[in-house]
Amino acid sequence: MTDESEDQFEQIGILQLIRNMLSPRTLPHIIMIALISSILLFLVESQEVFVAMSFISLAISYTLIASLSNKEIVQNLTKLPDEKGDANWIVRFLFSFKITIVPILSAAIIVGIFWSFTGGNDNFWISPLLASLFIVWSIAQAASFRTGMVEWLANGLGDAKLHTYREKISTFSQVLVVQSFAFVIIWLGQMISEGGSMSWQDALLEGFVFLLISFFLQALTLWLTRDEREAAGGEKGMAAFSFKWMIVAQIFITWHAFSVYRRGFMEPTTFSTVIEEGLLMAFTVIFAVWSLTTYTVRDGKRLISENASLPLGISFGYAYAGSVAMLTGTFDSLKEVMIFGHILSICAMLLLLRPTLRTSRITSDMFAVAKEIDIESSEEEEEVEVSDEVKDEANEDEEEWQEDNEIDWDKGLDITEGTDWEEDGSDVEIADSDEA
């Protein structure tokens, strides 16, 4: 998705990526996805096929914009200029939405193509297809979070110094941090739901069931990863990575468990639910885009540039919102859809815990081996090996030359050996005539 040369590749930080995606020059795209998704979600009960085609078409449209994002003409059509006009700020704000015209028109054309070639309202497969993407997105929440966190925490992996692993201290520290987080969020969640203050004793009593669930999930994660954590504890870099990774992974699991508990046993407001799910979707998209960007930079193949990050993120957002919209028809309520998604995310993270520690240990070993290699000495050794080979070849050539022309130095070299002389003395006569 880029025409940049390899020497221009730079690592894009997560904060830099967020700043790029929230730039005022592209903010109308963010506002438009919120408006269009809300309208389509309202229409899903009466126009399910049309809504599904619209979400898919918008996702495809922004993917095409992302693939052409480095072209100057595309940037002019989808980004606001740096300079501001003299018009009133309200007028400027309204006219700023002109940058959304191209992707929306493209999506409208794609919808028309879909409608013509797939049977319109008689289509029976496009809605289930989009709904099935919800499973992918729920798993992607865990996968993208894992990739982003590993990239952030992997700075110390190259430190292969010996380290004494204290399992009891490490385990106790993790339990203390994660259960403190669980208590804080259940306390805040209950205060928000009841609309007033609450003492910590009351929060502990009323949230006791959730704290038990949180403790059970943490015990499960610690049991699943015991061997991997013990293997990682022998090296300083891996021990630090293992501890930090386990903390953030367990916080991720605890948060999703709280979301399930909150919808099943509490009464969250619609506004708080929308805010929570919107933030989860935003972070999922950001981590997914950043993971792809980080991966391609390391491999030297820039598929996602800074210009492509926003349209690709919006494409993911439309696909995510479309899958949720389609599932509301299946579950008859957004509540069950969200619970199902959070449970999938928890299961995906539990499955990723051990492979992450194993893969990071292999990466740490590779870093350690790379640090031990002395490039200059290796080059000198190669030069010595080459020179030795040249000398050996020269010696072999010399020996072969001497073997082909053996000389007996005591006897001398008889240059007449092997020469036939004329017996009639013609050679002498020729010599005498030459002297005369």
Protein backbone atom coordinates (compact mmCIF):
# COMPACT_ATOMS: atom_id res chain seq x y z
CA MET A 1 0.00 0.00 0.00
CA THR A 2 2.95 2.30 -0.36
CA ASP A 3 5.47 3.54 -2.83
CA GLU A 4 8.04 4.47 -0.21
CA SER A 5 11.57 3.22 -0.60
CA GLU A 6 13.03 0.90 1.99
CA ASP A 7 15.47 3.49 3.37
CA GLN A 8 12.48 5.65 4.39
CA PHE A 9 10.89 2.95 6.55
CA GLU A 10 10.49 4.04 10.15
CA GLN A 11 8.82 2.43 13.12
CA ILE A 12 5.47 4.12 13.84
CA GLY A 13 4.83 4.48 17.56
CA ILE A 14 1.38 3.78 18.99
CA LEU A 15 0.94 7.40 20.14
CA GLN A 16 2.06 8.73 16.77
CA LEU A 17 -0.44 6.43 15.06
CA ILE A 18 -3.27 7.68 17.29
CA ARG A 19 -2.32 11.30 16.55
CA ASN A 20 -2.36 10.55 12.82
CA MET A 21 -5.78 8.91 13.02
CA LEU A 22 -7.26 11.77 15.07
CA SER A 23 -5.77 14.55 12.95
CA PRO A 24 -8.14 17.52 12.38
CA ARG A 25 -7.45 17.16 8.66
CA THR A 26 -9.26 13.78 8.63
CA LEU A 27 -11.67 14.16 11.58
CA PRO A 28 -14.82 14.24 9.36
CA HIS A 29 -14.19 10.60 8.44
CA ILE A 30 -14.37 9.65 12.15
CA ILE A 31 -17.58 11.63 12.66
CA MET A 32 -19.13 10.13 9.53
CA ILE A 33 -18.50 6.52 10.58
CA ALA A 34 -20.34 7.19 13.85
CA LEU A 35 -23.32 8.79 12.04
CA ILE A 36 -23.61 6.22 9.24
CA SER A 37 -23.21 3.24 11.60
CA SER A 38 -25.95 4.59 13.89
CA ILE A 39 -28.35 5.12 10.96
CA LEU A 40 -27.69 1.67 9.51
CA LEU A 41 -28.06 0.03 12.92
CA PHE A 42 -31.49 1.67 13.21
CA LEU A 43 -32.50 0.29 9.77
CA VAL A 44 -31.24 -3.28 10.27
CA GLU A 45 -34.63 -4.73 11.30
CA SER A 46 -36.45 -3.51 8.20
CA GLN A 47 -33.63 -3.51 5.59
CA GLU A 48 -31.24 -6.22 6.75
CA VAL A 49 -29.77 -7.11 3.34
CA PHE A 50 -29.33 -3.46 2.30
CA VAL A 51 -27.64 -2.67 5.64
CA ALA A 52 -25.27 -5.63 5.26
CA MET A 53 -24.34 -4.59 1.73
CA SER A 54 -23.81 -1.00 2.88
CA PHE A 55 -21.42 -1.96 5.68
CA ILE A 56 -19.44 -4.27 3.41
CA SER A 57 -19.32 -1.67 0.63
CA LEU A 58 -18.10 1.07 2.99
CA ALA A 59 -15.38 -1.25 4.28
CA ILE A 60 -14.27 -2.08 0.72
CA SER A 61 -14.38 1.60 -0.28
CA TYR A 62 -12.06 2.68 2.52
CA THR A 63 -9.76 -0.27 1.81
CA LEU A 64 -9.39 1.02 -1.75
CA ILE A 65 -8.68 4.51 -0.39
CA ALA A 66 -6.00 3.01 1.87
CA SER A 67 -4.36 1.22 -1.06
CA LEU A 68 -4.09 4.53 -2.96
CA SER A 69 -3.42 6.73 0.06
CA ASN A 70 0.06 7.81 -1.06
CA LYS A 71 -1.24 9.24 -4.34
CA GLU A 72 -1.39 13.03 -4.26
CA ILE A 73 -4.82 13.20 -5.91
CA VAL A 74 -6.29 10.83 -3.30
CA GLN A 75 -4.80 12.87 -0.46
CA ASN A 76 -6.29 16.07 -1.91
CA LEU A 77 -9.72 14.44 -2.10
CA THR A 78 -9.72 12.79 1.33
CA LYS A 79 -7.78 15.26 3.51
CA LEU A 80 -8.40 18.88 4.45
CA PRO A 81 -5.74 21.45 3.54
CA ASP A 82 -3.43 22.75 6.25
CA GLU A 83 -4.44 26.37 5.84
CA LYS A 84 -7.76 27.61 7.18
CA GLY A 85 -10.14 29.80 5.22
CA ASP A 86 -11.68 33.09 6.30
CA ALA A 87 -15.22 31.71 6.62
CA ASN A 88 -17.03 31.19 9.88
CA TRP A 89 -15.96 28.06 11.81
CA ILE A 90 -19.44 26.52 11.43
CA VAL A 91 -19.25 26.93 7.66
CA ARG A 92 -15.73 25.48 7.63
CA PHE A 93 -16.93 22.54 9.73
CA LEU A 94 -19.81 21.75 7.38
CA PHE A 95 -17.68 22.10 4.26
CA SER A 96 -15.01 19.87 5.82
CA PHE A 97 -17.26 16.86 5.17
CA LYS A 98 -16.52 17.19 1.46
CA ILE A 99 -13.54 14.87 2.04
CA THR A 100 -15.99 12.03 2.77
CA ILE A 101 -17.73 12.35 -0.61
CA VAL A 102 -15.32 10.14 -2.56
CA PRO A 103 -15.43 7.09 -0.23
CA ILE A 104 -19.23 7.37 0.21
CA LEU A 105 -19.83 7.63 -3.55
CA SER A 106 -17.52 4.66 -4.10
CA ALA A 107 -19.46 2.69 -1.50
CA ALA A 108 -22.74 3.61 -3.21
CA ILE A 109 -21.43 2.27 -6.53
CA ILE A 110 -20.31 -0.95 -4.84
CA VAL A 111 -23.74 -1.32 -3.20
CA GLY A 112 -25.36 -0.98 -6.63
CA ILE A 113 -23.09 -3.68 -8.03
CA PHE A 114 -23.87 -5.98 -5.10
CA TRP A 115 -27.58 -5.34 -5.40
CA SER A 116 -27.60 -6.08 -9.14
CA PHE A 117 -25.52 -9.25 -9.11
CA THR A 118 -26.56 -10.89 -5.82
CA GLY A 119 -30.35 -10.74 -6.05
CA GLY A 120 -31.16 -7.71 -3.89
CA ASN A 121 -33.54 -8.48 -1.01
CA ASP A 122 -33.65 -12.13 -2.08
CA ASN A 123 -30.00 -12.56 -1.10
CA PHE A 124 -29.70 -15.05 1.77
CA TRP A 125 -25.94 -15.36 2.37
CA ILE A 126 -24.55 -11.84 2.73
CA SER A 127 -26.09 -11.16 6.17
CA PRO A 128 -24.82 -14.42 7.78
CA LEU A 129 -21.41 -13.81 6.18
CA LEU A 130 -21.10 -10.38 7.78
CA ALA A 131 -22.45 -11.66 11.09
CA SER A 132 -19.78 -14.38 11.17
CA LEU A 133 -17.10 -11.68 11.11
CA PHE A 134 -18.05 -10.87 14.69
CA ILE A 135 -16.30 -14.04 15.77
CA VAL A 136 -13.18 -12.90 13.92
CA TRP A 137 -13.31 -9.47 15.56
CA SER A 138 -13.79 -10.86 19.05
CA ILE A 139 -10.73 -13.06 18.61
CA ALA A 140 -8.90 -10.18 16.93
CA GLN A 141 -9.35 -8.09 20.09
CA ALA A 142 -7.15 -10.53 21.98
CA ALA A 143 -4.74 -11.13 19.08
CA SER A 144 -4.18 -7.45 18.28
CA PHE A 145 -3.81 -6.59 21.99
CA ARG A 146 -1.26 -9.38 22.36
CA THR A 147 0.76 -8.25 19.33
CA GLY A 148 0.76 -4.61 20.39
CA MET A 149 1.76 -5.36 23.98
CA VAL A 150 4.51 -7.77 22.94
CA GLU A 151 6.00 -5.09 20.67
CA TRP A 152 5.90 -2.61 23.54
CA LEU A 153 7.27 -4.97 26.21
CA ALA A 154 9.94 -6.71 24.12
CA ASN A 155 12.66 -4.05 24.60
CA GLY A 156 14.46 -6.05 27.29
CA LEU A 157 14.34 -9.44 25.60
CA GLY A 158 18.00 -9.30 24.62
CA ASP A 159 19.22 -9.26 28.24
CA ALA A 160 20.24 -12.88 28.77
CA LYS A 161 21.89 -12.44 32.21
CA LEU A 162 21.22 -15.17 34.74
CA HIS A 163 18.31 -14.50 37.04
CA THR A 164 16.99 -16.23 40.16
CA TYR A 165 13.30 -16.97 39.69
CA ARG A 166 11.16 -16.65 42.80
CA GLU A 167 7.83 -18.19 41.86
CA LYS A 168 5.98 -17.39 45.09
CA ILE A 169 6.96 -13.71 45.05
CA SER A 170 6.12 -13.38 41.35
CA THR A 171 2.76 -15.12 41.76
CA PHE A 172 1.81 -13.10 44.85
CA SER A 173 2.71 -9.84 43.11
CA GLN A 174 0.56 -10.70 40.11
CA VAL A 175 -2.40 -11.65 42.30
CA LEU A 176 -2.05 -8.43 44.28
CA VAL A 177 -1.95 -6.19 41.18
CA VAL A 178 -4.73 -7.91 39.24
CA GLN A 179 -7.14 -8.36 42.16
CA SER A 180 -6.60 -4.73 43.17
CA PHE A 181 -7.58 -3.76 39.63
CA ALA A 182 -10.64 -6.06 39.82
CA PHE A 183 -11.75 -4.47 43.10
CA VAL A 184 -11.31 -0.91 41.76
CA ILE A 185 -13.38 -1.52 38.60
CA ILE A 186 -16.20 -3.31 40.44
CA TRP A 187 -16.28 -0.48 42.99
CA LEU A 188 -16.43 2.20 40.28
CA GLY A 189 -18.92 0.17 38.24
CA GLN A 190 -21.33 -0.11 41.16
CA MET A 191 -21.06 3.58 41.98
CA ILE A 192 -21.81 4.49 38.36
CA SER A 193 -24.77 2.10 38.22
CA GLU A 194 -26.29 3.37 41.48
CA GLY A 195 -25.46 6.99 40.74
CA GLY A 196 -23.89 7.71 44.12
CA SER A 197 -20.96 7.06 46.41
CA MET A 198 -20.32 3.68 48.02
CA SER A 199 -17.98 2.56 50.77
CA TRP A 200 -15.33 0.00 49.98
CA GLN A 201 -16.94 -2.46 52.42
CA ASP A 202 -20.26 -2.31 50.57
CA ALA A 203 -18.46 -2.58 47.21
CA LEU A 204 -16.63 -5.66 48.48
CA LEU A 205 -19.81 -7.35 49.68
CA GLU A 206 -21.90 -6.57 46.60
CA GLY A 207 -19.10 -7.35 44.18
CA PHE A 208 -17.96 -10.52 45.94
CA VAL A 209 -19.22 -12.79 43.13
CA PHE A 210 -17.24 -10.89 40.50
CA LEU A 211 -14.10 -10.96 42.66
CA LEU A 212 -14.46 -14.75 42.94
CA ILE A 213 -14.81 -15.00 39.14
CA SER A 214 -11.78 -12.77 38.68
CA PHE A 215 -9.71 -14.83 41.14
CA PHE A 216 -10.73 -18.08 39.43
CA LEU A 217 -9.72 -16.75 36.00
CA GLN A 218 -6.38 -15.55 37.36
CA ALA A 219 -5.70 -18.89 39.03
CA LEU A 220 -6.45 -20.56 35.69
CA THR A 221 -4.00 -18.31 33.81
CA LEU A 222 -1.26 -18.87 36.39
CA TRP A 223 -1.78 -22.65 36.27
CA LEU A 224 -1.75 -22.74 32.46
CA THR A 225 1.52 -20.78 32.23
CA ARG A 226 3.42 -22.19 35.20
CA ASP A 227 5.99 -24.14 33.15
CA GLU A 228 6.57 -21.28 30.69
CA ARG A 229 7.00 -18.73 33.51
CA GLU A 230 9.47 -21.00 35.27
CA ALA A 231 11.47 -21.48 32.06
CA ALA A 232 11.51 -17.72 31.47
CA GLY A 233 12.60 -16.96 35.03
CA GLY A 234 16.19 -18.07 34.46
CA GLU A 235 17.05 -15.01 32.35
CA LYS A 236 16.74 -11.40 33.45
CA GLY A 237 15.21 -10.08 30.23
CA MET A 238 12.71 -12.91 29.84
CA ALA A 239 11.74 -12.82 33.52
CA ALA A 240 10.87 -9.12 33.29
CA PHE A 241 8.97 -9.64 30.04
CA SER A 242 7.08 -12.64 31.43
CA PHE A 243 6.00 -10.74 34.54
CA LYS A 244 4.80 -7.65 32.63
CA TRP A 245 3.07 -9.71 29.94
CA MET A 246 1.19 -11.78 32.52
CA ILE A 247 0.04 -8.63 34.30
CA VAL A 248 -1.37 -6.91 31.18
CA ALA A 249 -2.89 -10.14 29.85
CA GLN A 250 -4.68 -10.82 33.15
CA ILE A 251 -5.93 -7.23 33.30
CA PHE A 252 -7.31 -7.70 29.77
CA ILE A 253 -9.11 -10.88 30.87
CA THR A 254 -10.39 -9.24 34.05
CA TRP A 255 -11.78 -6.26 32.14
CA HIS A 256 -13.71 -8.48 29.72
CA ALA A 257 -14.96 -10.59 32.62
CA PHE A 258 -16.19 -7.40 34.28
CA SER A 259 -18.02 -6.45 31.07
CA VAL A 260 -19.79 -9.84 31.06
CA TYR A 261 -20.65 -9.57 34.77
CA ARG A 262 -21.83 -5.99 34.37
CA ARG A 263 -24.30 -6.93 31.64
CA GLY A 264 -25.52 -10.06 33.43
CA PHE A 265 -25.83 -8.90 37.04
CA MET A 266 -25.85 -5.10 36.95
CA GLU A 267 -27.90 -2.53 35.06
CA PRO A 268 -25.52 -0.44 32.96
CA THR A 269 -26.90 2.58 31.15
CA THR A 270 -27.09 2.56 27.37
CA PHE A 271 -24.73 5.52 27.24
CA SER A 272 -22.03 3.79 29.34
CA THR A 273 -22.38 0.63 27.25
CA VAL A 274 -21.95 2.56 24.00
CA ILE A 275 -18.90 4.37 25.40
CA GLU A 276 -17.30 1.13 26.62
CA GLU A 277 -17.89 -0.81 23.43
CA GLY A 278 -16.83 2.15 21.30
CA LEU A 279 -13.53 2.38 23.19
CA LEU A 280 -12.99 -1.37 22.86
CA MET A 281 -13.65 -1.18 19.12
CA ALA A 282 -11.32 1.82 18.78
CA PHE A 283 -8.48 0.14 20.66
CA THR A 284 -8.99 -3.08 18.68
CA VAL A 285 -8.72 -1.17 15.41
CA ILE A 286 -5.70 0.85 16.58
CA PHE A 287 -3.83 -2.24 17.80
CA ALA A 288 -4.70 -4.12 14.60
CA VAL A 289 -3.41 -1.32 12.36
CA TRP A 290 -0.31 -0.78 14.52
CA SER A 291 0.43 -4.53 14.56
CA LEU A 292 0.32 -4.66 10.75
CA THR A 293 2.49 -1.55 10.48
CA THR A 294 5.06 -2.91 12.92
CA TYR A 295 5.17 -6.29 11.22
CA THR A 296 5.69 -4.90 7.74
CA VAL A 297 8.41 -2.47 8.83
CA ARG A 298 10.40 -5.25 10.42
CA ASP A 299 10.14 -7.38 7.29
CA GLY A 300 11.19 -4.48 5.08
CA LYS A 301 7.90 -4.50 3.17
CA ARG A 302 5.82 -1.43 3.81
CA LEU A 303 2.19 -2.48 3.25
CA ILE A 304 0.69 0.13 5.56
CA SER A 305 2.02 3.68 5.60
CA GLU A 306 1.03 6.53 7.87
CA ASN A 307 -1.34 7.82 5.19
CA ALA A 308 -3.07 4.44 4.95
CA SER A 309 -3.56 3.94 8.69
CA LEU A 310 -6.76 5.99 9.03
CA PRO A 311 -8.71 4.68 6.00
CA LEU A 312 -7.71 1.12 6.88
CA GLY A 313 -8.82 1.66 10.47
CA ILE A 314 -12.16 3.05 9.28
CA SER A 315 -12.56 0.04 7.01
CA PHE A 316 -12.07 -2.26 10.01
CA GLY A 317 -14.53 -0.13 11.98
CA TYR A 318 -17.31 -0.50 9.39
CA ALA A 319 -16.73 -4.26 9.24
CA TYR A 320 -16.86 -4.47 13.05
CA ALA A 321 -20.02 -2.36 13.32
CA GLY A 322 -21.67 -4.30 10.49
CA SER A 323 -21.05 -7.66 12.14
CA VAL A 324 -22.56 -6.39 15.43
CA ALA A 325 -25.57 -5.00 13.54
CA MET A 326 -26.21 -8.35 11.84
CA LEU A 327 -26.00 -10.27 15.12
CA THR A 328 -28.66 -8.13 16.75
CA GLY A 329 -31.17 -9.83 14.48
CA THR A 330 -29.96 -13.25 15.66
CA PHE A 331 -29.86 -12.55 19.39
CA ASP A 332 -32.71 -9.99 19.42
CA SER A 333 -30.61 -7.85 21.76
CA LEU A 334 -27.28 -6.09 21.73
CA LYS A 335 -26.72 -7.29 25.28
CA GLU A 336 -26.33 -10.96 24.36
CA VAL A 337 -24.14 -10.03 21.40
CA MET A 338 -21.72 -8.13 23.61
CA ILE A 339 -21.60 -10.89 26.23
CA PHE A 340 -20.82 -13.45 23.53
CA GLY A 341 -18.04 -11.26 22.14
CA HIS A 342 -16.41 -10.68 25.54
CA ILE A 343 -16.42 -14.40 26.31
CA LEU A 344 -14.76 -15.10 22.97
CA SER A 345 -12.09 -12.50 23.73
CA ILE A 346 -11.36 -14.10 27.12
CA CYS A 347 -11.04 -17.57 25.58
CA ALA A 348 -8.76 -16.26 22.83
CA MET A 349 -6.45 -14.57 25.34
CA LEU A 350 -6.27 -17.72 27.47
CA LEU A 351 -5.15 -19.66 24.39
CA LEU A 352 -2.52 -17.03 23.53
CA LEU A 353 -0.83 -16.89 26.94
CA ARG A 354 1.51 -19.87 26.62
CA PRO A 355 2.46 -19.47 22.91
CA THR A 356 3.40 -15.84 23.60
CA LEU A 357 5.83 -16.79 26.36
CA ARG A 358 7.33 -19.60 24.27
CA THR A 359 7.74 -17.44 21.15
CA SER A 360 9.24 -14.59 23.14
CA ARG A 361 11.76 -16.99 24.70
CA ILE A 362 12.89 -18.08 21.23
CA THR A 363 13.19 -14.41 20.22
CA SER A 364 15.23 -13.70 23.35
CA ASP A 365 17.64 -16.55 22.50
CA MET A 366 18.07 -15.15 18.98
CA PHE A 367 18.86 -11.68 20.39
CA ALA A 368 21.40 -13.19 22.77
CA VAL A 369 23.15 -15.11 19.99
CA ALA A 370 23.20 -12.02 17.79
CA LYS A 371 24.87 -9.99 20.55
CA GLU A 372 27.63 -12.59 20.96
CA ILE A 373 28.60 -12.49 17.29
CA ASP A 374 31.59 -10.22 16.55
CA ILE A 375 31.12 -9.09 12.98
CA GLU A 376 34.68 -7.70 12.60
CA SER A 377 36.33 -10.86 13.91
CA SER A 378 34.10 -12.95 11.69
CA GLU A 379 35.20 -10.94 8.66
CA GLU A 380 38.87 -11.32 9.65
CA GLU A 381 38.42 -15.07 10.05
CA GLU A 382 36.85 -15.25 6.62
CA GLU A 383 39.77 -13.29 5.14
CA VAL A 384 42.28 -15.63 6.83
CA GLU A 385 40.39 -18.65 5.54
CA VAL A 386 40.41 -17.23 2.02
CA SER A 387 44.13 -16.42 2.13
CA ASP A 388 44.89 -19.92 3.44
CA GLU A 389 42.91 -21.40 0.60
CA VAL A 390 44.87 -19.30 -1.93
CA LYS A 391 48.19 -20.40 -0.40
CA ASP A 392 47.13 -24.05 -0.44
CA GLU A 393 46.14 -23.79 -4.09
CA ALA A 394 49.51 -22.15 -4.94
CA ASN A 395 51.43 -24.88 -3.13
CA GLU A 396 49.44 -27.55 -4.95
CA ASP A 397 50.22 -25.90 -8.32
CA GLU A 398 53.92 -25.71 -7.45
CA GLU A 399 54.06 -29.35 -6.44
CA GLU A 400 52.31 -30.37 -9.64
CA TRP A 401 54.83 -28.32 -11.74
CA GLN A 402 57.79 -29.91 -10.03
CA GLU A 403 56.34 -33.38 -10.45
CA ASP A 404 55.93 -32.79 -14.19
CA ASN A 405 59.56 -31.61 -14.66
CA GLU A 406 61.78 -33.65 -12.32
CA ILE A 407 65.52 -32.82 -12.60
CA ASP A 408 68.43 -34.95 -11.42
CA TRP A 409 70.78 -32.23 -10.14
CA ASP A 410 73.78 -34.65 -9.74
CA LYS A 411 73.59 -35.86 -13.33
CA GLY A 412 72.54 -32.61 -14.86
CA LEU A 413 70.18 -31.90 -17.70
CA ASP A 414 71.11 -33.38 -21.12
CA ILE A 415 69.50 -31.10 -23.71
CA THR A 416 70.37 -33.56 -26.50
CA GLU A 417 68.38 -36.31 -24.91
CA GLY A 418 65.64 -37.43 -27.24
CA THR A 419 67.22 -35.70 -30.31
CA ASP A 420 67.91 -37.67 -33.55
CA TRP A 421 71.19 -36.70 -35.31
CA GLU A 422 71.92 -37.39 -39.03
CA GLU A 423 74.72 -40.03 -39.44
CA ASP A 424 75.95 -38.63 -42.82
CA GLY A 425 77.33 -35.51 -41.15
CA SER A 426 75.13 -33.12 -43.12
CA ASP A 427 74.80 -30.91 -40.13
CA VAL A 428 78.56 -30.41 -39.94
CA GLU A 429 78.81 -29.63 -43.61
CA ILE A 430 76.18 -26.96 -43.31
CA ALA A 431 78.07 -25.42 -40.41
CA ASP A 432 81.38 -25.38 -42.42
CA SER A 433 79.72 -23.76 -45.39
CA ASP A 434 78.27 -21.10 -43.15
CA GLU A 435 81.73 -20.34 -41.73
CA ALA A 436 83.13 -19.99 -45.24
